[in-house]
Amino acid sequence: MPVTIIAGNDVDQNANISTTGGDVLVTAGQDIDMQSGTTTSSGGGNIRLEATAGQILLGEVAAF
């Protein structure tokens, strides 16, 4: 099952995001901030992180 998160401003990820084989899409109008120790995983699906007018601060991203 895919996971989609869309925000007009920032996305502040303070918990893990995961799916088993589905895609993960996170789009923010400003910044994407993954807090220390958080993970985004897709179990083999695609992961796309897009900050249209800001920056992306990564924790751990795993697409396997």
C-alpha atoms as a PDB file:
ATOM      1  CA  MET A   1       0.000   0.000   0.000  1.00  0.00           C
ATOM      2  CA  PRO A   2       1.505   3.408  -0.937  1.00  0.00           C
ATOM      3  CA  VAL A   3       2.088   6.208   1.553  1.00  0.00           C
ATOM      4  CA  THR A   4       1.628   9.830   0.412  1.00  0.00           C
ATOM      5  CA  ILE A   5       2.263  12.920   2.541  1.00  0.00           C
ATOM      6  CA  ILE A   6       1.749  16.386   1.025  1.00  0.00           C
ATOM      7  CA  ALA A   7       2.190  19.629   2.987  1.00  0.00           C
ATOM      8  CA  GLY A   8       1.993  23.261   1.902  1.00  0.00           C
ATOM      9  CA  ASN A   9       4.782  24.173   4.333  1.00  0.00           C
ATOM     10  CA  ASP A  10       7.236  21.921   6.240  1.00  0.00           C
ATOM     11  CA  VAL A  11       7.143  18.197   6.879  1.00  0.00           C
ATOM     12  CA  ASP A  12       8.729  17.395  10.260  1.00  0.00           C
ATOM     13  CA  GLN A  13       9.083  13.613  10.476  1.00  0.00           C
ATOM     14  CA  ASN A  14       9.407  12.498  14.106  1.00  0.00           C
ATOM     15  CA  ALA A  15       8.281   8.877  13.655  1.00  0.00           C
ATOM     16  CA  ASN A  16       9.076   6.090  11.198  1.00  0.00           C
ATOM     17  CA  ILE A  17       7.253   5.798   7.865  1.00  0.00           C
ATOM     18  CA  SER A  18       7.133   2.324   6.317  1.00  0.00           C
ATOM     19  CA  THR A  19       5.297   0.193   3.805  1.00  0.00           C
ATOM     20  CA  THR A  20       5.882  -3.317   2.506  1.00  0.00           C
ATOM     21  CA  GLY A  21       6.413  -2.945  -1.221  1.00  0.00           C
ATOM     22  CA  GLY A  22       4.443   0.248  -1.745  1.00  0.00           C
ATOM     23  CA  ASP A  23       5.844   3.602  -2.808  1.00  0.00           C
ATOM     24  CA  VAL A  24       6.474   6.480  -0.389  1.00  0.00           C
ATOM     25  CA  LEU A  25       5.966  10.081  -1.576  1.00  0.00           C
ATOM     26  CA  VAL A  26       6.682  13.035   0.710  1.00  0.00           C
ATOM     27  CA  THR A  27       6.213  16.522  -0.768  1.00  0.00           C
ATOM     28  CA  ALA A  28       6.683  19.758   1.169  1.00  0.00           C
ATOM     29  CA  GLY A  29       6.260  23.358   0.083  1.00  0.00           C
ATOM     30  CA  GLN A  30       9.268  24.232   2.250  1.00  0.00           C
ATOM     31  CA  ASP A  31      11.570  21.847   4.181  1.00  0.00           C
ATOM     32  CA  ILE A  32      11.526  18.137   4.951  1.00  0.00           C
ATOM     33  CA  ASP A  33      13.213  17.426   8.303  1.00  0.00           C
ATOM     34  CA  MET A  34      13.679  13.827   9.433  1.00  0.00           C
ATOM     35  CA  GLN A  35      14.467  13.810  13.147  1.00  0.00           C
ATOM     36  CA  SER A  36      17.471  11.835  14.373  1.00  0.00           C
ATOM     37  CA  GLY A  37      16.719   8.109  14.535  1.00  0.00           C
ATOM     38  CA  THR A  38      13.728   8.180  12.141  1.00  0.00           C
ATOM     39  CA  THR A  39      13.485   5.916   9.103  1.00  0.00           C
ATOM     40  CA  THR A  40      11.531   5.981   5.849  1.00  0.00           C
ATOM     41  CA  SER A  41      11.383   2.507   4.290  1.00  0.00           C
ATOM     42  CA  SER A  42       9.440   1.058   1.381  1.00  0.00           C
ATOM     43  CA  GLY A  43      10.189  -2.682   1.378  1.00  0.00           C
ATOM     44  CA  GLY A  44      11.171  -2.575  -2.298  1.00  0.00           C
ATOM     45  CA  GLY A  45       8.958   0.267  -3.485  1.00  0.00           C
ATOM     46  CA  ASN A  46      10.150   3.682  -4.643  1.00  0.00           C
ATOM     47  CA  ILE A  47      10.817   6.575  -2.262  1.00  0.00           C
ATOM     48  CA  ARG A  48      10.519  10.188  -3.404  1.00  0.00           C
ATOM     49  CA  LEU A  49      11.224  13.168  -1.144  1.00  0.00           C
ATOM     50  CA  GLU A  50      10.580  16.619  -2.637  1.00  0.00           C
ATOM     51  CA  ALA A  51      11.047  19.982  -0.906  1.00  0.00           C
ATOM     52  CA  THR A  52       9.906  22.446  -3.575  1.00  0.00           C
ATOM     53  CA  ALA A  53      11.297  25.621  -1.966  1.00  0.00           C
ATOM     54  CA  GLY A  54      13.482  24.338   0.845  1.00  0.00           C
ATOM     55  CA  GLN A  55      15.938  21.689   1.892  1.00  0.00           C
ATOM     56  CA  ILE A  56      15.819  18.046   2.941  1.00  0.00           C
ATOM     57  CA  LEU A  57      17.491  16.858   6.143  1.00  0.00           C
ATOM     58  CA  LEU A  58      17.725  13.048   6.091  1.00  0.00           C
ATOM     59  CA  GLY A  59      17.645  10.443   8.826  1.00  0.00           C
ATOM     60  CA  GLU A  60      17.635   6.981   7.212  1.00  0.00           C
ATOM     61  CA  VAL A  61      16.021   6.126   3.855  1.00  0.00           C
ATOM     62  CA  ALA A  62      15.781   2.448   2.805  1.00  0.00           C
ATOM     63  CA  ALA A  63      14.082   1.291  -0.400  1.00  0.00           C
ATOM     64  CA  PHE A  64      14.897  -2.417  -0.017  1.00  0.00           C
END
